[in-house]
Every structure is written in structure tokens, then in C-alpha cells.
Amino acid sequence: MEFVGYVVKIGNCYFQQRSSFDYTICTCFVDAKKITKLDYAKKIAEETGGVVKHLYVSDKKLDGDE
């Protein structure tokens, strides 16, 4: 598995972008902003009441068949 960054989850939604002090959130995970700096992800989570989730990708199948 390869670590690719962080996303901020806010309830059932995800942080998408910030302009000034306005935040845009989305309900679809693929539209969430992938953040590479942990400090920035923690700051957004603190400001929005969200939590930081680590994001990993893998090219392996989960069912064990290769």
C-alpha cells in the first residue's frame, strides 16, 4: 500500500476547498481535497470540527485472488 495524503472528514462529508474563511464540503469521497501536509490537515479539521483520515492506495485485490 502506498500513502498518498490526507482527507478531512466532517460528519458524512469531506473537505473540498477553502477560500478566505469559507469552506466547501462534498459528500463524495473522490471529490475531497487530498492534502499532503499533516499540519494543514489538522488545522482544517480543528477549524471545521472534522477528523483527519489517512489515505492509502493499493493495486492488490482485497479478496486475495491474484
PDB file of N, CA and C in Angstrom:
ATOM      1  N   MET A   1       0.851  -1.183   0.000  1.00  0.00           N
ATOM      2  CA  MET A   1       0.000   0.000   0.000  1.00  0.00           C
ATOM      3  C   MET A   1       0.888   1.234   0.000  1.00  0.00           C
ATOM      4  N   GLU A   2       0.406   2.232  -0.669  1.00  0.00           N
ATOM      5  CA  GLU A   2       1.169   3.473  -0.796  1.00  0.00           C
ATOM      6  C   GLU A   2       0.380   4.621  -0.176  1.00  0.00           C
ATOM      7  N   PHE A   3       1.033   5.369   0.709  1.00  0.00           N
ATOM      8  CA  PHE A   3       0.409   6.531   1.329  1.00  0.00           C
ATOM      9  C   PHE A   3       0.385   7.675   0.327  1.00  0.00           C
ATOM     10  N   VAL A   4      -0.799   8.305   0.152  1.00  0.00           N
ATOM     11  CA  VAL A   4      -0.905   9.401  -0.819  1.00  0.00           C
ATOM     12  C   VAL A   4      -1.308  10.734  -0.199  1.00  0.00           C
ATOM     13  N   GLY A   5      -1.720  10.749   1.059  1.00  0.00           N
ATOM     14  CA  GLY A   5      -2.084  12.013   1.686  1.00  0.00           C
ATOM     15  C   GLY A   5      -3.181  11.854   2.718  1.00  0.00           C
ATOM     16  N   TYR A   6      -3.857  12.947   2.972  1.00  0.00           N
ATOM     17  CA  TYR A   6      -4.896  13.004   3.992  1.00  0.00           C
ATOM     18  C   TYR A   6      -6.162  13.609   3.407  1.00  0.00           C
ATOM     19  N   VAL A   7      -7.293  13.258   3.986  1.00  0.00           N
ATOM     20  CA  VAL A   7      -8.549  13.945   3.725  1.00  0.00           C
ATOM     21  C   VAL A   7      -9.135  14.311   5.083  1.00  0.00           C
ATOM     22  N   VAL A   8      -9.974  15.340   5.106  1.00  0.00           N
ATOM     23  CA  VAL A   8     -10.649  15.747   6.340  1.00  0.00           C
ATOM     24  C   VAL A   8     -12.109  15.368   6.211  1.00  0.00           C
ATOM     25  N   LYS A   9     -12.564  14.507   7.115  1.00  0.00           N
ATOM     26  CA  LYS A   9     -13.956  14.072   7.119  1.00  0.00           C
ATOM     27  C   LYS A   9     -14.720  14.891   8.153  1.00  0.00           C
ATOM     28  N   ILE A  10     -15.844  15.439   7.721  1.00  0.00           N
ATOM     29  CA  ILE A  10     -16.692  16.277   8.570  1.00  0.00           C
ATOM     30  C   ILE A  10     -18.074  15.635   8.581  1.00  0.00           C
ATOM     31  N   GLY A  11     -18.376  14.864   9.596  1.00  0.00           N
ATOM     32  CA  GLY A  11     -19.638  14.119   9.630  1.00  0.00           C
ATOM     33  C   GLY A  11     -19.657  13.114   8.496  1.00  0.00           C
ATOM     34  N   ASN A  12     -20.661  13.193   7.632  1.00  0.00           N
ATOM     35  CA  ASN A  12     -20.757  12.315   6.466  1.00  0.00           C
ATOM     36  C   ASN A  12     -20.197  12.970   5.205  1.00  0.00           C
ATOM     37  N   CYS A  13     -19.514  14.098   5.372  1.00  0.00           N
ATOM     38  CA  CYS A  13     -18.991  14.860   4.231  1.00  0.00           C
ATOM     39  C   CYS A  13     -17.471  14.970   4.310  1.00  0.00           C
ATOM     40  N   TYR A  14     -16.882  15.558   3.283  1.00  0.00           N
ATOM     41  CA  TYR A  14     -15.434  15.734   3.204  1.00  0.00           C
ATOM     42  C   TYR A  14     -15.110  17.179   2.840  1.00  0.00           C
ATOM     43  N   PHE A  15     -13.972  17.655   3.339  1.00  0.00           N
ATOM     44  CA  PHE A  15     -13.480  18.984   2.991  1.00  0.00           C
ATOM     45  C   PHE A  15     -13.056  18.982   1.527  1.00  0.00           C
ATOM     46  N   GLN A  16     -13.507  20.014   0.780  1.00  0.00           N
ATOM     47  CA  GLN A  16     -13.159  20.102  -0.635  1.00  0.00           C
ATOM     48  C   GLN A  16     -12.227  21.274  -0.919  1.00  0.00           C
ATOM     49  N   GLN A  17     -12.533  22.466  -0.380  1.00  0.00           N
ATOM     50  CA  GLN A  17     -11.658  23.615  -0.605  1.00  0.00           C
ATOM     51  C   GLN A  17     -11.960  24.715   0.388  1.00  0.00           C
ATOM     52  N   ARG A  18     -11.035  25.677   0.453  1.00  0.00           N
ATOM     53  CA  ARG A  18     -11.183  26.819   1.350  1.00  0.00           C
ATOM     54  C   ARG A  18     -10.798  28.069   0.588  1.00  0.00           C
ATOM     55  N   SER A  19     -11.635  29.096   0.707  1.00  0.00           N
ATOM     56  CA  SER A  19     -11.292  30.412   0.167  1.00  0.00           C
ATOM     57  C   SER A  19     -11.627  31.428   1.241  1.00  0.00           C
ATOM     58  N   SER A  20     -10.615  32.193   1.652  1.00  0.00           N
ATOM     59  CA  SER A  20     -10.718  33.074   2.819  1.00  0.00           C
ATOM     60  C   SER A  20     -11.136  32.228   4.004  1.00  0.00           C
ATOM     61  N   PHE A  21     -12.295  32.500   4.595  1.00  0.00           N
ATOM     62  CA  PHE A  21     -12.762  31.676   5.705  1.00  0.00           C
ATOM     63  C   PHE A  21     -14.030  30.914   5.340  1.00  0.00           C
ATOM     64  N   ASP A  22     -14.271  30.755   4.055  1.00  0.00           N
ATOM     65  CA  ASP A  22     -15.399  29.960   3.579  1.00  0.00           C
ATOM     66  C   ASP A  22     -14.898  28.571   3.200  1.00  0.00           C
ATOM     67  N   TYR A  23     -15.615  27.559   3.644  1.00  0.00           N
ATOM     68  CA  TYR A  23     -15.231  26.177   3.367  1.00  0.00           C
ATOM     69  C   TYR A  23     -16.266  25.537   2.461  1.00  0.00           C
ATOM     70  N   THR A  24     -15.806  24.752   1.507  1.00  0.00           N
ATOM     71  CA  THR A  24     -16.688  23.978   0.647  1.00  0.00           C
ATOM     72  C   THR A  24     -16.511  22.519   1.032  1.00  0.00           C
ATOM     73  N   ILE A  25     -17.646  21.825   1.239  1.00  0.00           N
ATOM     74  CA  ILE A  25     -17.586  20.409   1.553  1.00  0.00           C
ATOM     75  C   ILE A  25     -18.323  19.629   0.470  1.00  0.00           C
ATOM     76  N   CYS A  26     -18.063  18.345   0.403  1.00  0.00           N
ATOM     77  CA  CYS A  26     -18.706  17.499  -0.596  1.00  0.00           C
ATOM     78  C   CYS A  26     -19.094  16.177   0.061  1.00  0.00           C
ATOM     79  N   THR A  27     -20.026  15.487  -0.529  1.00  0.00           N
ATOM     80  CA  THR A  27     -20.459  14.203   0.023  1.00  0.00           C
ATOM     81  C   THR A  27     -19.751  13.031  -0.628  1.00  0.00           C
ATOM     82  N   CYS A  28     -19.120  13.244  -1.743  1.00  0.00           N
ATOM     83  CA  CYS A  28     -18.455  12.174  -2.478  1.00  0.00           C
ATOM     84  C   CYS A  28     -16.954  12.164  -2.171  1.00  0.00           C
ATOM     85  N   PHE A  29     -16.449  11.026  -1.721  1.00  0.00           N
ATOM     86  CA  PHE A  29     -15.048  10.903  -1.336  1.00  0.00           C
ATOM     87  C   PHE A  29     -14.089  11.293  -2.466  1.00  0.00           C
ATOM     88  N   VAL A  30     -14.403  10.925  -3.693  1.00  0.00           N
ATOM     89  CA  VAL A  30     -13.487  11.207  -4.806  1.00  0.00           C
ATOM     90  C   VAL A  30     -13.348  12.702  -5.085  1.00  0.00           C
ATOM     91  N   ASP A  31     -14.309  13.523  -4.632  1.00  0.00           N
ATOM     92  CA  ASP A  31     -14.229  14.970  -4.810  1.00  0.00           C
ATOM     93  C   ASP A  31     -13.485  15.668  -3.681  1.00  0.00           C
ATOM     94  N   ALA A  32     -13.141  14.921  -2.630  1.00  0.00           N
ATOM     95  CA  ALA A  32     -12.464  15.508  -1.470  1.00  0.00           C
ATOM     96  C   ALA A  32     -11.056  15.955  -1.847  1.00  0.00           C
ATOM     97  N   LYS A  33     -10.597  17.027  -1.200  1.00  0.00           N
ATOM     98  CA  LYS A  33      -9.240  17.518  -1.439  1.00  0.00           C
ATOM     99  C   LYS A  33      -8.249  16.563  -0.773  1.00  0.00           C
ATOM    100  N   LYS A  34      -7.264  16.107  -1.538  1.00  0.00           N
ATOM    101  CA  LYS A  34      -6.200  15.276  -0.987  1.00  0.00           C
ATOM    102  C   LYS A  34      -5.105  16.216  -0.483  1.00  0.00           C
ATOM    103  N   ILE A  35      -4.845  16.192   0.815  1.00  0.00           N
ATOM    104  CA  ILE A  35      -3.900  17.097   1.461  1.00  0.00           C
ATOM    105  C   ILE A  35      -2.602  16.342   1.728  1.00  0.00           C
ATOM    106  N   THR A  36      -1.464  16.951   1.417  1.00  0.00           N
ATOM    107  CA  THR A  36      -0.190  16.260   1.609  1.00  0.00           C
ATOM    108  C   THR A  36       0.510  16.644   2.912  1.00  0.00           C
ATOM    109  N   LYS A  37       0.134  17.731   3.512  1.00  0.00           N
ATOM    110  CA  LYS A  37       0.776  18.187   4.756  1.00  0.00           C
ATOM    111  C   LYS A  37      -0.124  17.898   5.951  1.00  0.00           C
ATOM    112  N   LEU A  38       0.374  17.117   6.898  1.00  0.00           N
ATOM    113  CA  LEU A  38      -0.407  16.749   8.071  1.00  0.00           C
ATOM    114  C   LEU A  38      -0.811  17.974   8.889  1.00  0.00           C
ATOM    115  N   ASP A  39       0.095  18.934   9.065  1.00  0.00           N
ATOM    116  CA  ASP A  39      -0.226  20.137   9.848  1.00  0.00           C
ATOM    117  C   ASP A  39      -1.412  20.897   9.255  1.00  0.00           C
ATOM    118  N   TYR A  40      -1.450  21.006   7.929  1.00  0.00           N
ATOM    119  CA  TYR A  40      -2.559  21.702   7.265  1.00  0.00           C
ATOM    120  C   TYR A  40      -3.856  20.915   7.451  1.00  0.00           C
ATOM    121  N   ALA A  41      -3.793  19.596   7.310  1.00  0.00           N
ATOM    122  CA  ALA A  41      -4.982  18.764   7.502  1.00  0.00           C
ATOM    123  C   ALA A  41      -5.512  18.900   8.928  1.00  0.00           C
ATOM    124  N   LYS A  42      -4.615  18.907   9.904  1.00  0.00           N
ATOM    125  CA  LYS A  42      -5.032  19.059  11.311  1.00  0.00           C
ATOM    126  C   LYS A  42      -5.674  20.420  11.548  1.00  0.00           C
ATOM    127  N   LYS A  43      -5.126  21.466  10.926  1.00  0.00           N
ATOM    128  CA  LYS A  43      -5.672  22.817  11.081  1.00  0.00           C
ATOM    129  C   LYS A  43      -7.091  22.886  10.515  1.00  0.00           C
ATOM    130  N   ILE A  44      -7.299  22.340   9.320  1.00  0.00           N
ATOM    131  CA  ILE A  44      -8.634  22.332   8.717  1.00  0.00           C
ATOM    132  C   ILE A  44      -9.601  21.528   9.584  1.00  0.00           C
ATOM    133  N   ALA A  45      -9.157  20.382  10.076  1.00  0.00           N
ATOM    134  CA  ALA A  45     -10.007  19.551  10.928  1.00  0.00           C
ATOM    135  C   ALA A  45     -10.400  20.296  12.200  1.00  0.00           C
ATOM    136  N   GLU A  46      -9.456  20.995  12.793  1.00  0.00           N
ATOM    137  CA  GLU A  46      -9.737  21.755  14.015  1.00  0.00           C
ATOM    138  C   GLU A  46     -10.730  22.884  13.744  1.00  0.00           C
ATOM    139  N   GLU A  47     -10.560  23.577  12.632  1.00  0.00           N
ATOM    140  CA  GLU A  47     -11.422  24.712  12.297  1.00  0.00           C
ATOM    141  C   GLU A  47     -12.837  24.272  11.919  1.00  0.00           C
ATOM    142  N   THR A  48     -12.986  23.071  11.384  1.00  0.00           N
ATOM    143  CA  THR A  48     -14.291  22.620  10.897  1.00  0.00           C
ATOM    144  C   THR A  48     -14.962  21.589  11.800  1.00  0.00           C
ATOM    145  N   GLY A  49     -14.247  21.129  12.823  1.00  0.00           N
ATOM    146  CA  GLY A  49     -14.801  20.083  13.682  1.00  0.00           C
ATOM    147  C   GLY A  49     -14.714  18.704  13.044  1.00  0.00           C
ATOM    148  N   GLY A  50     -13.848  18.566  12.062  1.00  0.00           N
ATOM    149  CA  GLY A  50     -13.688  17.294  11.360  1.00  0.00           C
ATOM    150  C   GLY A  50     -12.553  16.467  11.931  1.00  0.00           C
ATOM    151  N   VAL A  51     -12.288  15.338  11.288  1.00  0.00           N
ATOM    152  CA  VAL A  51     -11.186  14.466  11.676  1.00  0.00           C
ATOM    153  C   VAL A  51     -10.313  14.177  10.458  1.00  0.00           C
ATOM    154  N   VAL A  52      -9.029  13.978  10.704  1.00  0.00           N
ATOM    155  CA  VAL A  52      -8.077  13.684   9.637  1.00  0.00           C
ATOM    156  C   VAL A  52      -8.074  12.186   9.379  1.00  0.00           C
ATOM    157  N   LYS A  53      -8.207  11.808   8.120  1.00  0.00           N
ATOM    158  CA  LYS A  53      -8.143  10.406   7.698  1.00  0.00           C
ATOM    159  C   LYS A  53      -6.940  10.225   6.782  1.00  0.00           C
ATOM    160  N   HIS A  54      -6.151   9.190   7.035  1.00  0.00           N
ATOM    161  CA  HIS A  54      -5.013   8.869   6.166  1.00  0.00           C
ATOM    162  C   HIS A  54      -5.531   8.190   4.914  1.00  0.00           C
ATOM    163  N   LEU A  55      -4.932   8.494   3.787  1.00  0.00           N
ATOM    164  CA  LEU A  55      -5.383   7.969   2.502  1.00  0.00           C
ATOM    165  C   LEU A  55      -4.294   7.101   1.883  1.00  0.00           C
ATOM    166  N   TYR A  56      -4.649   5.852   1.608  1.00  0.00           N
ATOM    167  CA  TYR A  56      -3.716   4.900   1.011  1.00  0.00           C
ATOM    168  C   TYR A  56      -4.330   4.336  -0.261  1.00  0.00           C
ATOM    169  N   VAL A  57      -3.490   3.920  -1.186  1.00  0.00           N
ATOM    170  CA  VAL A  57      -3.947   3.225  -2.380  1.00  0.00           C
ATOM    171  C   VAL A  57      -3.144   1.945  -2.530  1.00  0.00           C
ATOM    172  N   SER A  58      -3.752   0.977  -3.189  1.00  0.00           N
ATOM    173  CA  SER A  58      -3.088  -0.297  -3.415  1.00  0.00           C
ATOM    174  C   SER A  58      -3.545  -0.859  -4.751  1.00  0.00           C
ATOM    175  N   ASP A  59      -2.663  -1.605  -5.403  1.00  0.00           N
ATOM    176  CA  ASP A  59      -3.044  -2.264  -6.643  1.00  0.00           C
ATOM    177  C   ASP A  59      -3.373  -3.739  -6.398  1.00  0.00           C
ATOM    178  N   LYS A  60      -3.384  -4.149  -5.134  1.00  0.00           N
ATOM    179  CA  LYS A  60      -3.699  -5.533  -4.771  1.00  0.00           C
ATOM    180  C   LYS A  60      -5.202  -5.694  -4.590  1.00  0.00           C
ATOM    181  N   LYS A  61      -5.716  -6.867  -4.942  1.00  0.00           N
ATOM    182  CA  LYS A  61      -7.134  -7.170  -4.739  1.00  0.00           C
ATOM    183  C   LYS A  61      -7.376  -7.497  -3.278  1.00  0.00           C
ATOM    184  N   LEU A  62      -8.517  -7.086  -2.733  1.00  0.00           N
ATOM    185  CA  LEU A  62      -8.839  -7.335  -1.352  1.00  0.00           C
ATOM    186  C   LEU A  62      -9.332  -8.771  -1.112  1.00  0.00           C
ATOM    187  N   ASP A  63      -9.835  -9.429  -2.142  1.00  0.00           N
ATOM    188  CA  ASP A  63     -10.404 -10.751  -1.949  1.00  0.00           C
ATOM    189  C   ASP A  63      -9.331 -11.855  -1.927  1.00  0.00           C
ATOM    190  N   GLY A  64      -8.076 -11.512  -2.130  1.00  0.00           N
ATOM    191  CA  GLY A  64      -6.990 -12.470  -2.051  1.00  0.00           C
ATOM    192  C   GLY A  64      -6.650 -13.136  -3.375  1.00  0.00           C
ATOM    193  N   ASP A  65      -7.482 -13.008  -4.401  1.00  0.00           N
ATOM    194  CA  ASP A  65      -7.178 -13.594  -5.709  1.00  0.00           C
ATOM    195  C   ASP A  65      -6.157 -12.736  -6.428  1.00  0.00           C
ATOM    196  N   GLU A  66      -5.149 -13.382  -6.964  1.00  0.00           N
ATOM    197  CA  GLU A  66      -4.138 -12.612  -7.699  1.00  0.00           C
ATOM    198  C   GLU A  66      -3.961 -13.161  -9.074  1.00  0.00           C
TER     199      GLU A  66
END
